[in-house]
C-alpha atoms as a PDB file:
ATOM      1  CA  MET A   1     -24.322-130.992  17.180  1.00  0.00           C
ATOM      2  CA  THR A   2     -21.841-132.970  15.123  1.00  0.00           C
ATOM      3  CA  PRO A   3     -22.521-136.508  13.854  1.00  0.00           C
ATOM      4  CA  TRP A   4     -21.959-139.706  15.800  1.00  0.00           C
ATOM      5  CA  PRO A   5     -19.525-140.863  17.178  1.00  0.00           C
ATOM      6  CA  GLU A   6     -17.778-137.611  18.116  1.00  0.00           C
ATOM      7  CA  VAL A   7     -21.011-135.780  19.068  1.00  0.00           C
ATOM      8  CA  ARG A   8     -19.582-132.377  19.767  1.00  0.00           C
ATOM      9  CA  PHE A   9     -21.816-129.465  20.530  1.00  0.00           C
ATOM     10  CA  GLU A  10     -20.764-126.399  18.607  1.00  0.00           C
ATOM     11  CA  GLN A  11     -21.874-122.798  18.434  1.00  0.00           C
ATOM     12  CA  LEU A  12     -21.471-120.418  15.528  1.00  0.00           C
ATOM     13  CA  TYR A  13     -19.263-117.425  16.330  1.00  0.00           C
ATOM     14  CA  GLY A  14     -19.079-115.182  13.286  1.00  0.00           C
ATOM     15  CA  THR A  15     -18.182-117.660  10.542  1.00  0.00           C
ATOM     16  CA  ASP A  16     -16.524-120.283  12.780  1.00  0.00           C
ATOM     17  CA  TRP A  17     -18.074-123.201  14.614  1.00  0.00           C
ATOM     18  CA  ILE A  18     -16.538-123.491  18.089  1.00  0.00           C
ATOM     19  CA  ALA A  19     -16.948-126.564  20.336  1.00  0.00           C
ATOM     20  CA  VAL A  20     -18.829-125.753  23.556  1.00  0.00           C
ATOM     21  CA  SER A  21     -20.128-127.610  26.578  1.00  0.00           C
ATOM     22  CA  PRO A  22     -23.850-126.934  26.463  1.00  0.00           C
ATOM     23  CA  HIS A  23     -25.450-125.515  29.575  1.00  0.00           C
ATOM     24  CA  GLU A  24     -28.496-127.311  31.008  1.00  0.00           C
ATOM     25  CA  ASP A  25     -30.718-124.457  29.772  1.00  0.00           C
ATOM     26  CA  ALA A  26     -29.489-124.944  26.201  1.00  0.00           C
ATOM     27  CA  LEU A  27     -30.203-128.672  26.369  1.00  0.00           C
ATOM     28  CA  ALA A  28     -33.667-127.991  27.778  1.00  0.00           C
ATOM     29  CA  SER A  29     -34.363-125.496  24.995  1.00  0.00           C
ATOM     30  CA  ALA A  30     -33.239-128.018  22.381  1.00  0.00           C
ATOM     31  CA  ALA A  31     -35.479-130.654  23.935  1.00  0.00           C
ATOM     32  CA  HIS A  32     -38.511-128.443  23.368  1.00  0.00           C
ATOM     33  CA  ALA A  33     -37.493-127.606  19.805  1.00  0.00           C
ATOM     34  CA  LEU A  34     -36.616-131.113  18.588  1.00  0.00           C
ATOM     35  CA  GLY A  35     -39.294-133.750  18.119  1.00  0.00           C
ATOM     36  CA  ASP A  36     -39.174-137.217  16.587  1.00  0.00           C
ATOM     37  CA  ARG A  37     -39.318-135.769  13.064  1.00  0.00           C
ATOM     38  CA  GLU A  38     -36.241-133.599  13.672  1.00  0.00           C
ATOM     39  CA  TRP A  39     -34.350-136.447  15.350  1.00  0.00           C
ATOM     40  CA  ARG A  40     -35.054-139.047  12.631  1.00  0.00           C
ATOM     41  CA  PRO A  41     -32.313-137.944  10.157  1.00  0.00           C
ATOM     42  CA  TYR A  42     -29.716-137.786  12.923  1.00  0.00           C
ATOM     43  CA  LEU A  43     -30.640-141.168  14.408  1.00  0.00           C
ATOM     44  CA  GLU A  44     -30.305-142.905  11.035  1.00  0.00           C
ATOM     45  CA  PHE A  45     -26.521-142.623  11.390  1.00  0.00           C
ATOM     46  CA  VAL A  46     -26.334-143.711  15.024  1.00  0.00           C
ATOM     47  CA  PRO A  47     -25.596-147.393  15.825  1.00  0.00           C
ATOM     48  CA  ALA A  48     -28.745-149.415  16.512  1.00  0.00           C
ATOM     49  CA  PRO A  49     -28.112-149.997  20.259  1.00  0.00           C
ATOM     50  CA  VAL A  50     -27.548-146.279  20.837  1.00  0.00           C
ATOM     51  CA  ARG A  51     -30.620-145.402  18.741  1.00  0.00           C
ATOM     52  CA  GLN A  52     -32.759-147.817  20.809  1.00  0.00           C
ATOM     53  CA  PHE A  53     -31.437-146.206  23.965  1.00  0.00           C
ATOM     54  CA  LEU A  54     -32.113-142.668  22.727  1.00  0.00           C
ATOM     55  CA  GLU A  55     -35.631-143.581  21.648  1.00  0.00           C
ATOM     56  CA  LEU A  56     -36.481-144.310  25.298  1.00  0.00           C
ATOM     57  CA  PHE A  57     -36.311-140.559  25.923  1.00  0.00           C
ATOM     58  CA  THR A  58     -38.618-137.803  24.795  1.00  0.00           C
ATOM     59  CA  PHE A  59     -37.560-134.563  26.469  1.00  0.00           C
ATOM     60  CA  ALA A  60     -34.121-135.633  27.717  1.00  0.00           C
ATOM     61  CA  ARG A  61     -32.947-137.140  24.431  1.00  0.00           C
ATOM     62  CA  MET A  62     -30.209-134.531  23.996  1.00  0.00           C
ATOM     63  CA  ASP A  63     -28.985-135.262  27.538  1.00  0.00           C
ATOM     64  CA  ALA A  64     -29.109-139.004  26.825  1.00  0.00           C
ATOM     65  CA  LEU A  65     -27.125-138.512  23.618  1.00  0.00           C
ATOM     66  CA  GLN A  66     -24.438-136.647  25.484  1.00  0.00           C
ATOM     67  CA  VAL A  67     -24.207-139.395  28.135  1.00  0.00           C
ATOM     68  CA  ALA A  68     -24.149-142.196  25.516  1.00  0.00           C
ATOM     69  CA  ALA A  69     -21.438-140.432  23.508  1.00  0.00           C
ATOM     70  CA  ARG A  70     -19.254-139.549  26.483  1.00  0.00           C
ATOM     71  CA  CYS A  71     -19.718-142.800  28.460  1.00  0.00           C
ATOM     72  CA  PRO A  72     -20.257-145.563  25.871  1.00  0.00           C
ATOM     73  CA  ALA A  73     -19.184-148.338  28.276  1.00  0.00           C
ATOM     74  CA  LEU A  74     -22.160-147.451  30.493  1.00  0.00           C
ATOM     75  CA  LEU A  75     -24.710-148.035  27.730  1.00  0.00           C
ATOM     76  CA  PRO A  76     -25.645-151.636  28.686  1.00  0.00           C
ATOM     77  CA  GLU A  77     -26.364-150.610  32.293  1.00  0.00           C
ATOM     78  CA  LEU A  78     -28.192-147.476  31.197  1.00  0.00           C
ATOM     79  CA  MET A  79     -30.402-149.586  28.921  1.00  0.00           C
ATOM     80  CA  GLU A  80     -31.439-151.534  32.038  1.00  0.00           C
ATOM     81  CA  THR A  81     -31.808-148.414  34.195  1.00  0.00           C
ATOM     82  CA  PRO A  82     -32.457-145.476  31.844  1.00  0.00           C
ATOM     83  CA  ALA A  83     -33.541-143.122  34.659  1.00  0.00           C
ATOM     84  CA  LEU A  84     -29.926-143.113  35.854  1.00  0.00           C
ATOM     85  CA  THR A  85     -29.096-141.196  32.655  1.00  0.00           C
ATOM     86  CA  SER A  86     -30.732-138.040  34.018  1.00  0.00           C
ATOM     87  CA  TYR A  87     -28.404-138.124  37.005  1.00  0.00           C
ATOM     88  CA  LEU A  88     -25.334-138.518  34.812  1.00  0.00           C
ATOM     89  CA  ALA A  89     -26.457-135.733  32.479  1.00  0.00           C
ATOM     90  CA  ALA A  90     -26.946-133.395  35.456  1.00  0.00           C
ATOM     91  CA  HIS A  91     -23.690-134.302  37.201  1.00  0.00           C
ATOM     92  CA  LEU A  92     -22.365-130.731  36.999  1.00  0.00           C
ATOM     93  CA  SER A  93     -25.152-129.305  39.129  1.00  0.00           C
ATOM     94  CA  LEU A  94     -25.527-132.377  41.356  1.00  0.00           C
ATOM     95  CA  ARG A  95     -21.823-132.499  42.209  1.00  0.00           C
ATOM     96  CA  GLY A  96     -21.143-128.767  41.923  1.00  0.00           C
ATOM     97  CA  THR A  97     -18.317-129.184  39.431  1.00  0.00           C
ATOM     98  CA  PRO A  98     -17.261-126.283  37.201  1.00  0.00           C
ATOM     99  CA  ALA A  99     -16.714-128.451  34.104  1.00  0.00           C
ATOM    100  CA  PRO A 100     -18.034-131.776  32.784  1.00  0.00           C
ATOM    101  CA  ALA A 101     -16.318-134.786  34.329  1.00  0.00           C
ATOM    102  CA  TRP A 102     -16.949-137.445  31.665  1.00  0.00           C
ATOM    103  CA  ASP A 103     -13.428-138.884  31.949  1.00  0.00           C
ATOM    104  CA  GLU A 104     -13.869-139.210  35.699  1.00  0.00           C
ATOM    105  CA  ILE A 105     -17.235-140.955  35.267  1.00  0.00           C
ATOM    106  CA  ASN A 106     -15.636-143.394  32.819  1.00  0.00           C
ATOM    107  CA  ALA A 107     -12.742-144.062  35.206  1.00  0.00           C
ATOM    108  CA  VAL A 108     -15.090-144.663  38.128  1.00  0.00           C
ATOM    109  CA  HIS A 109     -17.176-147.038  35.991  1.00  0.00           C
ATOM    110  CA  GLU A 110     -14.107-148.932  34.817  1.00  0.00           C
ATOM    111  CA  ARG A 111     -12.809-149.267  38.371  1.00  0.00           C
ATOM    112  CA  SER A 112     -16.032-149.819  40.355  1.00  0.00           C
ATOM    113  CA  GLY A 113     -18.860-150.522  37.898  1.00  0.00           C
ATOM    114  CA  ILE A 114     -22.357-149.102  38.076  1.00  0.00           C
ATOM    115  CA  PHE A 115     -22.378-149.037  41.881  1.00  0.00           C
ATOM    116  CA  GLY A 116     -19.276-146.838  41.886  1.00  0.00           C
ATOM    117  CA  VAL A 117     -20.944-144.473  39.419  1.00  0.00           C
ATOM    118  CA  MET A 118     -24.044-144.300  41.613  1.00  0.00           C
ATOM    119  CA  GLU A 119     -21.908-143.495  44.640  1.00  0.00           C
ATOM    120  CA  TRP A 120     -20.011-140.844  42.638  1.00  0.00           C
ATOM    121  CA  ILE A 121     -23.333-139.146  41.788  1.00  0.00           C
ATOM    122  CA  GLY A 122     -24.383-139.254  45.440  1.00  0.00           C
ATOM    123  CA  LEU A 123     -26.959-142.035  45.162  1.00  0.00           C
ATOM    124  CA  PRO A 124     -26.996-144.998  47.520  1.00  0.00           C
ATOM    125  CA  SER A 125     -25.036-147.702  45.702  1.00  0.00           C
ATOM    126  CA  SER A 126     -27.495-150.508  46.319  1.00  0.00           C
ATOM    127  CA  ARG A 127     -29.640-152.960  44.425  1.00  0.00           C
ATOM    128  CA  GLN A 128     -32.716-151.298  45.951  1.00  0.00           C
ATOM    129  CA  THR A 129     -31.779-147.984  44.353  1.00  0.00           C
ATOM    130  CA  LEU A 130     -31.306-149.696  40.984  1.00  0.00           C
ATOM    131  CA  THR A 131     -34.698-151.413  41.362  1.00  0.00           C
ATOM    132  CA  ILE A 132     -36.400-148.109  42.120  1.00  0.00           C
ATOM    133  CA  LEU A 133     -34.737-146.334  39.194  1.00  0.00           C
ATOM    134  CA  ARG A 134     -35.615-149.249  36.879  1.00  0.00           C
ATOM    135  CA  ASN A 135     -39.249-148.899  37.920  1.00  0.00           C
ATOM    136  CA  VAL A 136     -39.437-145.231  36.950  1.00  0.00           C
ATOM    137  CA  ALA A 137     -42.075-145.228  34.197  1.00  0.00           C
ATOM    138  CA  GLN A 138     -40.557-142.436  32.099  1.00  0.00           C
ATOM    139  CA  PRO A 139     -36.749-142.177  32.078  1.00  0.00           C
ATOM    140  CA  ASP A 140     -37.080-138.445  31.341  1.00  0.00           C
ATOM    141  CA  LEU A 141     -36.810-137.587  35.029  1.00  0.00           C
ATOM    142  CA  PRO A 142     -37.615-133.908  35.518  1.00  0.00           C
ATOM    143  CA  LYS A 143     -34.533-132.080  36.762  1.00  0.00           C
ATOM    144  CA  ARG A 144     -36.514-130.675  39.693  1.00  0.00           C
ATOM    145  CA  PHE A 145     -36.893-134.253  41.040  1.00  0.00           C
ATOM    146  CA  LEU A 146     -33.232-135.279  40.847  1.00  0.00           C
ATOM    147  CA  GLU A 147     -31.941-133.721  44.058  1.00  0.00           C
ATOM    148  CA  PRO A 148     -35.046-134.448  46.179  1.00  0.00           C
ATOM    149  CA  LEU A 149     -35.221-138.039  44.924  1.00  0.00           C
ATOM    150  CA  ARG A 150     -31.519-138.503  45.608  1.00  0.00           C
ATOM    151  CA  THR A 151     -32.111-137.331  49.185  1.00  0.00           C
ATOM    152  CA  LEU A 152     -35.179-139.565  49.551  1.00  0.00           C
ATOM    153  CA  LEU A 153     -33.284-142.627  48.398  1.00  0.00           C
ATOM    154  CA  TRP A 154     -31.152-142.375  51.531  1.00  0.00           C
ATOM    155  CA  GLU A 155     -34.274-142.798  53.708  1.00  0.00           C
ATOM    156  CA  PRO A 156     -35.022-146.484  54.463  1.00  0.00           C
ATOM    157  CA  ARG A 157     -38.804-145.917  54.705  1.00  0.00           C
ATOM    158  CA  THR A 158     -38.857-144.283  51.280  1.00  0.00           C
ATOM    159  CA  ILE A 159     -36.772-147.060  49.755  1.00  0.00           C
ATOM    160  CA  PHE A 160     -39.151-149.708  51.067  1.00  0.00           C
ATOM    161  CA  ALA A 161     -42.177-147.777  49.783  1.00  0.00           C
ATOM    162  CA  LEU A 162     -40.758-146.933  46.337  1.00  0.00           C
ATOM    163  CA  GLN A 163     -39.345-150.377  45.569  1.00  0.00           C
ATOM    164  CA  ARG A 164     -42.840-151.863  45.928  1.00  0.00           C
ATOM    165  CA  ILE A 165     -44.272-149.643  43.181  1.00  0.00           C
ATOM    166  CA  PRO A 166     -43.959-151.497  39.845  1.00  0.00           C
ATOM    167  CA  ALA A 167     -44.170-148.377  37.642  1.00  0.00           C
ATOM    168  CA  ILE A 168     -43.228-145.128  39.367  1.00  0.00           C
ATOM    169  CA  THR A 169     -44.846-142.144  37.660  1.00  0.00           C
ATOM    170  CA  ASP A 170     -43.944-138.462  37.785  1.00  0.00           C
ATOM    171  CA  ARG A 171     -47.066-137.909  39.896  1.00  0.00           C
ATOM    172  CA  GLN A 172     -45.857-140.421  42.517  1.00  0.00           C
ATOM    173  CA  LEU A 173     -42.379-138.921  42.483  1.00  0.00           C
ATOM    174  CA  ALA A 174     -43.874-135.461  42.969  1.00  0.00           C
ATOM    175  CA  ARG A 175     -45.863-136.707  45.952  1.00  0.00           C
ATOM    176  CA  PHE A 176     -42.758-138.221  47.553  1.00  0.00           C
ATOM    177  CA  CYS A 177     -40.614-135.159  46.756  1.00  0.00           C
ATOM    178  CA  HIS A 178     -43.252-132.754  48.136  1.00  0.00           C
ATOM    179  CA  ALA A 179     -43.426-134.823  51.317  1.00  0.00           C
ATOM    180  CA  LEU A 180     -39.678-134.277  51.691  1.00  0.00           C
ATOM    181  CA  ALA A 181     -40.117-130.516  51.270  1.00  0.00           C
ATOM    182  CA  ALA A 182     -42.837-130.380  53.941  1.00  0.00           C
END
């Protein structure tokens, strides 16, 4: 990974470093390998607002870095609703696109704001959805919850139940997601 602000992911091929778009598996592997101690030197050179944002994440910090670097205009809204970051980071699999669509996300945000971005990801573009995502206790949403939670957020009964929970934990999300699977 190259330094801020370009934040390119590169892979060594022979003696040359070639820019790549990291696959979700590579980001997950990096998340397990990099702890706070390994991140500290990198974060020293990142602007303070971005560093504060990245420090909200434990396992999805690499995903969050990619989102912050590619969509810097979204940072204020992502600071308010950090769980939305997981959806943006996983947009390839959630939308079924062959390549990252960071420019498209930026254009949608510029044109329609955060609600347009939510709609682009397939989430209901409502204040209730934002409230629910703001109440997620850990913004490191497990990838296995993204699609089921997105589906659940279209169900009025689920929205009413989830928006009443002040701090939504992974355990509560699992219960709701398993109910959907049943």
